[in-house]
Amino acid sequence: MPRTRLVAGLAFLFVLAGALAVSPETVFGHIAWLAADPVRLVVAVSALALVRPLVAWPTTLLALVAGFGLGPTAIPLALALIVLTSVPPFLFARHVGGAGRLADVGEQTVAVTGSVRGVTASRLLPIPSDVVSVAAGVSNVSLGAFVLGTAVGELPWAVAGVVAGASVETLTTESLQAVIQPEFAALAALAGVSLLVPPAYRRYRGGVGVDGG
């Protein structure tokens, strides 16, 4: 357990240092050059997806950049990249986690909601992507269920990011902030909660039946 905490702590410090040393402006400063060649843009944004967890950038940055360079047709690419960039934190959490109260709570939650439904609902909620990935990892969600739930839950965010990127002439940090409009976030959160209510209610009714019987 001490070793697990040490590894997790060092990883957090590494991510924090990376986030402080590098910012999305670095990407935005070269976006015109990248967007001039679709192949170059795809290669660059794919590489960005692999390193994104190390600098703690939001996943919608990938959709924003893809949309800026390729337009609305970039939605499938953006979604695939968002799923890809979510896997490393998930696998890391599965490797170092798996025990403790957080894991117990996560496993109990998955037992109620189901793996795919739980991940999908979590992705729809306005929660940082890497937090959801780590939570799924320590909850022993299977990789297949994680990927499927992530793809379904992140689809609205991928569409929003691509549309926002395609609608601007220059990418800025304000463009990134504009992806998450309060109204859109509220609707996505409502959809996420709606997915969780039926299984939670069935579990509650089942518990009432057992206790009262």
C-alpha atoms as a PDB file:
ATOM      1  CA  MET A   1       0.000   0.000   0.000  1.00  0.00           C
ATOM      2  CA  PRO A   2       2.795   2.552   0.810  1.00  0.00           C
ATOM      3  CA  ARG A   3       4.392   1.732  -2.560  1.00  0.00           C
ATOM      4  CA  THR A   4       1.081   2.337  -4.326  1.00  0.00           C
ATOM      5  CA  ARG A   5       0.669   5.704  -2.660  1.00  0.00           C
ATOM      6  CA  LEU A   6       4.255   6.658  -3.515  1.00  0.00           C
ATOM      7  CA  VAL A   7       3.796   5.791  -7.189  1.00  0.00           C
ATOM      8  CA  ALA A   8       0.486   7.663  -7.333  1.00  0.00           C
ATOM      9  CA  GLY A   9       2.007  10.683  -5.588  1.00  0.00           C
ATOM     10  CA  LEU A  10       4.979  10.821  -7.942  1.00  0.00           C
ATOM     11  CA  ALA A  11       2.679  10.512 -10.944  1.00  0.00           C
ATOM     12  CA  PHE A  12       0.537  13.387  -9.666  1.00  0.00           C
ATOM     13  CA  LEU A  13       3.602  15.593  -9.172  1.00  0.00           C
ATOM     14  CA  PHE A  14       4.817  14.754 -12.668  1.00  0.00           C
ATOM     15  CA  VAL A  15       1.468  15.668 -14.209  1.00  0.00           C
ATOM     16  CA  LEU A  16       1.293  18.872 -12.184  1.00  0.00           C
ATOM     17  CA  ALA A  17       4.794  19.904 -13.291  1.00  0.00           C
ATOM     18  CA  GLY A  18       3.923  19.182 -16.912  1.00  0.00           C
ATOM     19  CA  ALA A  19       0.705  21.173 -16.740  1.00  0.00           C
ATOM     20  CA  LEU A  20       2.544  24.147 -15.281  1.00  0.00           C
ATOM     21  CA  ALA A  21       5.395  23.961 -17.791  1.00  0.00           C
ATOM     22  CA  VAL A  22       3.268  23.522 -20.912  1.00  0.00           C
ATOM     23  CA  SER A  23      -0.078  25.056 -21.811  1.00  0.00           C
ATOM     24  CA  PRO A  24      -2.571  24.733 -24.696  1.00  0.00           C
ATOM     25  CA  GLU A  25      -1.215  28.024 -26.068  1.00  0.00           C
ATOM     26  CA  THR A  26       1.780  25.991 -27.247  1.00  0.00           C
ATOM     27  CA  VAL A  27      -0.520  24.036 -29.544  1.00  0.00           C
ATOM     28  CA  PHE A  28      -2.546  27.070 -30.566  1.00  0.00           C
ATOM     29  CA  GLY A  29       0.664  28.868 -31.578  1.00  0.00           C
ATOM     30  CA  HIS A  30       1.310  26.245 -34.268  1.00  0.00           C
ATOM     31  CA  ILE A  31      -2.271  25.468 -35.239  1.00  0.00           C
ATOM     32  CA  ALA A  32      -2.229  27.403 -38.526  1.00  0.00           C
ATOM     33  CA  TRP A  33       0.824  25.458 -39.699  1.00  0.00           C
ATOM     34  CA  LEU A  34      -0.712  22.156 -38.610  1.00  0.00           C
ATOM     35  CA  ALA A  35      -4.095  22.874 -40.188  1.00  0.00           C
ATOM     36  CA  ALA A  36      -2.484  23.664 -43.547  1.00  0.00           C
ATOM     37  CA  ASP A  37      -1.872  19.930 -44.097  1.00  0.00           C
ATOM     38  CA  PRO A  38      -4.610  17.454 -43.025  1.00  0.00           C
ATOM     39  CA  VAL A  39      -2.147  14.569 -42.725  1.00  0.00           C
ATOM     40  CA  ARG A  40       0.173  16.648 -40.570  1.00  0.00           C
ATOM     41  CA  LEU A  41      -2.762  17.701 -38.397  1.00  0.00           C
ATOM     42  CA  VAL A  42      -3.963  14.115 -37.881  1.00  0.00           C
ATOM     43  CA  VAL A  43      -0.459  12.959 -36.934  1.00  0.00           C
ATOM     44  CA  ALA A  44       0.011  15.887 -34.550  1.00  0.00           C
ATOM     45  CA  VAL A  45      -3.348  15.569 -32.820  1.00  0.00           C
ATOM     46  CA  SER A  46      -2.843  11.798 -32.475  1.00  0.00           C
ATOM     47  CA  ALA A  47       0.502  12.406 -30.782  1.00  0.00           C
ATOM     48  CA  LEU A  48      -1.166  15.013 -28.600  1.00  0.00           C
ATOM     49  CA  ALA A  49      -3.743  12.414 -27.523  1.00  0.00           C
ATOM     50  CA  LEU A  50      -0.952  10.142 -26.281  1.00  0.00           C
ATOM     51  CA  VAL A  51       0.789  12.802 -24.175  1.00  0.00           C
ATOM     52  CA  ARG A  52      -2.297  14.728 -23.041  1.00  0.00           C
ATOM     53  CA  PRO A  53      -2.708  12.831 -19.734  1.00  0.00           C
ATOM     54  CA  LEU A  54       0.866  13.811 -18.787  1.00  0.00           C
ATOM     55  CA  VAL A  55       0.029  17.513 -18.959  1.00  0.00           C
ATOM     56  CA  ALA A  56      -3.549  17.259 -17.637  1.00  0.00           C
ATOM     57  CA  TRP A  57      -5.143  19.090 -20.559  1.00  0.00           C
ATOM     58  CA  PRO A  58      -8.915  18.678 -21.105  1.00  0.00           C
ATOM     59  CA  THR A  59      -9.876  16.032 -23.659  1.00  0.00           C
ATOM     60  CA  THR A  60     -12.056  18.551 -25.504  1.00  0.00           C
ATOM     61  CA  LEU A  61      -8.821  20.204 -26.657  1.00  0.00           C
ATOM     62  CA  LEU A  62      -8.366  17.289 -29.062  1.00  0.00           C
ATOM     63  CA  ALA A  63     -11.839  17.775 -30.529  1.00  0.00           C
ATOM     64  CA  LEU A  64     -11.301  21.525 -30.769  1.00  0.00           C
ATOM     65  CA  VAL A  65      -8.026  21.164 -32.702  1.00  0.00           C
ATOM     66  CA  ALA A  66      -9.440  18.440 -34.965  1.00  0.00           C
ATOM     67  CA  GLY A  67     -12.532  20.505 -35.713  1.00  0.00           C
ATOM     68  CA  PHE A  68     -10.476  23.589 -36.470  1.00  0.00           C
ATOM     69  CA  GLY A  69      -8.338  21.769 -39.006  1.00  0.00           C
ATOM     70  CA  LEU A  70     -10.806  19.327 -40.541  1.00  0.00           C
ATOM     71  CA  GLY A  71     -14.266  20.762 -39.885  1.00  0.00           C
ATOM     72  CA  PRO A  72     -17.342  18.732 -38.864  1.00  0.00           C
ATOM     73  CA  THR A  73     -15.999  15.595 -40.580  1.00  0.00           C
ATOM     74  CA  ALA A  74     -13.501  15.330 -37.717  1.00  0.00           C
ATOM     75  CA  ILE A  75     -16.140  14.058 -35.253  1.00  0.00           C
ATOM     76  CA  PRO A  76     -15.234  10.326 -35.601  1.00  0.00           C
ATOM     77  CA  LEU A  77     -11.526  11.152 -35.326  1.00  0.00           C
ATOM     78  CA  ALA A  78     -12.086  13.370 -32.301  1.00  0.00           C
ATOM     79  CA  LEU A  79     -14.132  10.713 -30.528  1.00  0.00           C
ATOM     80  CA  ALA A  80     -11.509   8.035 -31.246  1.00  0.00           C
ATOM     81  CA  LEU A  81      -8.758  10.288 -29.884  1.00  0.00           C
ATOM     82  CA  ILE A  82     -10.740  11.094 -26.740  1.00  0.00           C
ATOM     83  CA  VAL A  83     -11.200   7.372 -26.094  1.00  0.00           C
ATOM     84  CA  LEU A  84      -7.515   6.718 -26.815  1.00  0.00           C
ATOM     85  CA  THR A  85      -6.279   9.444 -24.471  1.00  0.00           C
ATOM     86  CA  SER A  86      -8.511   8.151 -21.660  1.00  0.00           C
ATOM     87  CA  VAL A  87      -7.004   4.661 -21.655  1.00  0.00           C
ATOM     88  CA  PRO A  88      -3.547   5.391 -20.106  1.00  0.00           C
ATOM     89  CA  PRO A  89      -4.958   6.923 -16.868  1.00  0.00           C
ATOM     90  CA  PHE A  90      -7.407   4.009 -16.660  1.00  0.00           C
ATOM     91  CA  LEU A  91      -4.691   1.378 -17.043  1.00  0.00           C
ATOM     92  CA  PHE A  92      -2.430   3.208 -14.607  1.00  0.00           C
ATOM     93  CA  ALA A  93      -5.190   3.262 -11.991  1.00  0.00           C
ATOM     94  CA  ARG A  94      -5.866  -0.444 -12.499  1.00  0.00           C
ATOM     95  CA  HIS A  95      -2.171  -1.169 -11.980  1.00  0.00           C
ATOM     96  CA  VAL A  96      -1.621   0.844  -8.796  1.00  0.00           C
ATOM     97  CA  GLY A  97      -5.156   0.703  -7.376  1.00  0.00           C
ATOM     98  CA  GLY A  98      -7.628  -2.040  -6.656  1.00  0.00           C
ATOM     99  CA  ALA A  99      -7.689  -1.808  -2.857  1.00  0.00           C
ATOM    100  CA  GLY A 100      -8.928   0.627  -0.263  1.00  0.00           C
ATOM    101  CA  ARG A 101     -12.135   2.504   0.387  1.00  0.00           C
ATOM    102  CA  LEU A 102     -12.178   4.276  -2.985  1.00  0.00           C
ATOM    103  CA  ALA A 103     -11.977   0.955  -4.804  1.00  0.00           C
ATOM    104  CA  ASP A 104     -14.705  -0.524  -2.596  1.00  0.00           C
ATOM    105  CA  VAL A 105     -17.038   2.404  -3.246  1.00  0.00           C
ATOM    106  CA  GLY A 106     -16.319   2.231  -6.967  1.00  0.00           C
ATOM    107  CA  GLU A 107     -16.994  -1.482  -7.161  1.00  0.00           C
ATOM    108  CA  GLN A 108     -20.241  -1.098  -5.225  1.00  0.00           C
ATOM    109  CA  THR A 109     -21.334   1.683  -7.567  1.00  0.00           C
ATOM    110  CA  VAL A 110     -20.525  -0.399 -10.649  1.00  0.00           C
ATOM    111  CA  ALA A 111     -22.450  -3.304  -9.133  1.00  0.00           C
ATOM    112  CA  VAL A 112     -25.536  -1.084  -8.987  1.00  0.00           C
ATOM    113  CA  THR A 113     -25.252   0.743 -12.303  1.00  0.00           C
ATOM    114  CA  GLY A 114     -23.383  -1.726 -14.477  1.00  0.00           C
ATOM    115  CA  SER A 115     -19.955  -1.011 -15.964  1.00  0.00           C
ATOM    116  CA  VAL A 116     -20.937   0.484 -19.326  1.00  0.00           C
ATOM    117  CA  ARG A 117     -23.841   2.501 -17.935  1.00  0.00           C
ATOM    118  CA  GLY A 118     -21.763   3.782 -15.039  1.00  0.00           C
ATOM    119  CA  VAL A 119     -18.887   4.936 -17.246  1.00  0.00           C
ATOM    120  CA  THR A 120     -21.268   6.472 -19.791  1.00  0.00           C
ATOM    121  CA  ALA A 121     -23.140   8.429 -17.118  1.00  0.00           C
ATOM    122  CA  SER A 122     -19.885   9.604 -15.520  1.00  0.00           C
ATOM    123  CA  ARG A 123     -18.640  10.874 -18.884  1.00  0.00           C
ATOM    124  CA  LEU A 124     -21.815  12.896 -19.392  1.00  0.00           C
ATOM    125  CA  LEU A 125     -21.419  14.598 -16.030  1.00  0.00           C
ATOM    126  CA  PRO A 126     -19.172  17.709 -15.971  1.00  0.00           C
ATOM    127  CA  ILE A 127     -16.363  15.812 -14.222  1.00  0.00           C
ATOM    128  CA  PRO A 128     -12.729  15.990 -15.402  1.00  0.00           C
ATOM    129  CA  SER A 129     -12.116  13.130 -17.812  1.00  0.00           C
ATOM    130  CA  ASP A 130      -9.051  11.782 -16.044  1.00  0.00           C
ATOM    131  CA  VAL A 131     -10.924  11.616 -12.728  1.00  0.00           C
ATOM    132  CA  VAL A 132     -13.514   9.354 -14.369  1.00  0.00           C
ATOM    133  CA  SER A 133     -10.773   7.235 -15.968  1.00  0.00           C
ATOM    134  CA  VAL A 134      -8.963   6.737 -12.664  1.00  0.00           C
ATOM    135  CA  ALA A 135     -12.207   5.972 -10.820  1.00  0.00           C
ATOM    136  CA  ALA A 136     -13.111   3.334 -13.406  1.00  0.00           C
ATOM    137  CA  GLY A 137      -9.632   1.846 -13.159  1.00  0.00           C
ATOM    138  CA  VAL A 138      -9.677   1.393  -9.378  1.00  0.00           C
ATOM    139  CA  SER A 139     -13.225   0.018  -9.631  1.00  0.00           C
ATOM    140  CA  ASN A 140     -11.981  -2.916 -11.747  1.00  0.00           C
ATOM    141  CA  VAL A 141     -14.125  -2.016 -14.758  1.00  0.00           C
ATOM    142  CA  SER A 142     -13.109  -4.137 -17.743  1.00  0.00           C
ATOM    143  CA  LEU A 143     -11.228  -2.430 -20.559  1.00  0.00           C
ATOM    144  CA  GLY A 144     -13.981  -3.231 -23.069  1.00  0.00           C
ATOM    145  CA  ALA A 145     -16.720  -1.761 -20.886  1.00  0.00           C
ATOM    146  CA  PHE A 146     -14.563   1.284 -20.204  1.00  0.00           C
ATOM    147  CA  VAL A 147     -13.903   1.938 -23.895  1.00  0.00           C
ATOM    148  CA  LEU A 148     -17.558   1.490 -24.867  1.00  0.00           C
ATOM    149  CA  GLY A 149     -18.866   3.640 -22.011  1.00  0.00           C
ATOM    150  CA  THR A 150     -16.287   6.322 -22.764  1.00  0.00           C
ATOM    151  CA  ALA A 151     -17.178   6.400 -26.471  1.00  0.00           C
ATOM    152  CA  VAL A 152     -20.907   6.778 -25.785  1.00  0.00           C
ATOM    153  CA  GLY A 153     -20.551   9.267 -22.932  1.00  0.00           C
ATOM    154  CA  GLU A 154     -17.923  11.435 -24.634  1.00  0.00           C
ATOM    155  CA  LEU A 155     -19.768  11.651 -27.969  1.00  0.00           C
ATOM    156  CA  PRO A 156     -21.662  14.869 -27.067  1.00  0.00           C
ATOM    157  CA  TRP A 157     -18.455  16.503 -25.851  1.00  0.00           C
ATOM    158  CA  ALA A 158     -16.604  15.440 -28.997  1.00  0.00           C
ATOM    159  CA  VAL A 159     -19.342  16.927 -31.180  1.00  0.00           C
ATOM    160  CA  ALA A 160     -19.346  20.152 -29.153  1.00  0.00           C
ATOM    161  CA  GLY A 161     -15.564  20.464 -29.399  1.00  0.00           C
ATOM    162  CA  VAL A 162     -15.447  19.832 -33.145  1.00  0.00           C
ATOM    163  CA  VAL A 163     -18.288  22.271 -33.842  1.00  0.00           C
ATOM    164  CA  ALA A 164     -16.624  24.925 -31.693  1.00  0.00           C
ATOM    165  CA  GLY A 165     -13.288  24.426 -33.440  1.00  0.00           C
ATOM    166  CA  ALA A 166     -14.834  24.530 -36.902  1.00  0.00           C
ATOM    167  CA  SER A 167     -16.699  27.752 -36.142  1.00  0.00           C
ATOM    168  CA  VAL A 168     -13.714  29.960 -35.249  1.00  0.00           C
ATOM    169  CA  GLU A 169     -10.981  31.503 -37.354  1.00  0.00           C
ATOM    170  CA  THR A 170      -8.337  31.449 -34.617  1.00  0.00           C
ATOM    171  CA  LEU A 171      -7.991  29.099 -31.665  1.00  0.00           C
ATOM    172  CA  THR A 172      -7.464  30.632 -28.236  1.00  0.00           C
ATOM    173  CA  THR A 173      -7.942  29.565 -24.633  1.00  0.00           C
ATOM    174  CA  GLU A 174     -11.316  31.316 -24.842  1.00  0.00           C
ATOM    175  CA  SER A 175     -12.247  28.906 -27.640  1.00  0.00           C
ATOM    176  CA  LEU A 176     -11.533  26.014 -25.274  1.00  0.00           C
ATOM    177  CA  GLN A 177     -13.627  27.533 -22.514  1.00  0.00           C
ATOM    178  CA  ALA A 178     -16.497  28.178 -24.937  1.00  0.00           C
ATOM    179  CA  VAL A 179     -16.889  24.446 -25.630  1.00  0.00           C
ATOM    180  CA  ILE A 180     -18.542  23.884 -22.257  1.00  0.00           C
ATOM    181  CA  GLN A 181     -21.534  26.201 -22.266  1.00  0.00           C
ATOM    182  CA  PRO A 182     -23.598  26.101 -19.032  1.00  0.00           C
ATOM    183  CA  GLU A 183     -26.752  25.064 -20.883  1.00  0.00           C
ATOM    184  CA  PHE A 184     -24.978  22.233 -22.701  1.00  0.00           C
ATOM    185  CA  ALA A 185     -23.260  21.036 -19.526  1.00  0.00           C
ATOM    186  CA  ALA A 186     -26.607  21.063 -17.694  1.00  0.00           C
ATOM    187  CA  LEU A 187     -28.291  18.968 -20.409  1.00  0.00           C
ATOM    188  CA  ALA A 188     -25.420  16.490 -20.473  1.00  0.00           C
ATOM    189  CA  ALA A 189     -25.487  16.221 -16.678  1.00  0.00           C
ATOM    190  CA  LEU A 190     -29.244  15.631 -16.771  1.00  0.00           C
ATOM    191  CA  ALA A 191     -28.739  12.825 -19.278  1.00  0.00           C
ATOM    192  CA  GLY A 192     -26.060  11.306 -17.061  1.00  0.00           C
ATOM    193  CA  VAL A 193     -28.254  11.423 -13.969  1.00  0.00           C
ATOM    194  CA  SER A 194     -31.146   9.949 -15.957  1.00  0.00           C
ATOM    195  CA  LEU A 195     -28.985   6.932 -16.775  1.00  0.00           C
ATOM    196  CA  LEU A 196     -28.171   6.363 -13.113  1.00  0.00           C
ATOM    197  CA  VAL A 197     -31.657   6.746 -11.661  1.00  0.00           C
ATOM    198  CA  PRO A 198     -33.325   3.526 -13.004  1.00  0.00           C
ATOM    199  CA  PRO A 199     -30.716   1.035 -11.692  1.00  0.00           C
ATOM    200  CA  ALA A 200     -30.402   2.929  -8.413  1.00  0.00           C
ATOM    201  CA  TYR A 201     -34.180   2.850  -7.992  1.00  0.00           C
ATOM    202  CA  ARG A 202     -34.331  -0.864  -8.810  1.00  0.00           C
ATOM    203  CA  ARG A 203     -31.613  -1.547  -6.243  1.00  0.00           C
ATOM    204  CA  TYR A 204     -33.465   0.564  -3.692  1.00  0.00           C
ATOM    205  CA  ARG A 205     -36.774  -1.215  -4.352  1.00  0.00           C
ATOM    206  CA  GLY A 206     -35.034  -4.554  -4.178  1.00  0.00           C
ATOM    207  CA  GLY A 207     -33.472  -3.622  -0.863  1.00  0.00           C
ATOM    208  CA  VAL A 208     -36.798  -2.450   0.509  1.00  0.00           C
ATOM    209  CA  GLY A 209     -38.413  -5.713  -0.547  1.00  0.00           C
ATOM    210  CA  VAL A 210     -35.755  -7.793   1.195  1.00  0.00           C
ATOM    211  CA  ASP A 211     -35.749  -5.765   4.388  1.00  0.00           C
ATOM    212  CA  GLY A 212     -39.511  -5.576   4.580  1.00  0.00           C
ATOM    213  CA  GLY A 213     -40.110  -9.186   3.715  1.00  0.00           C
END
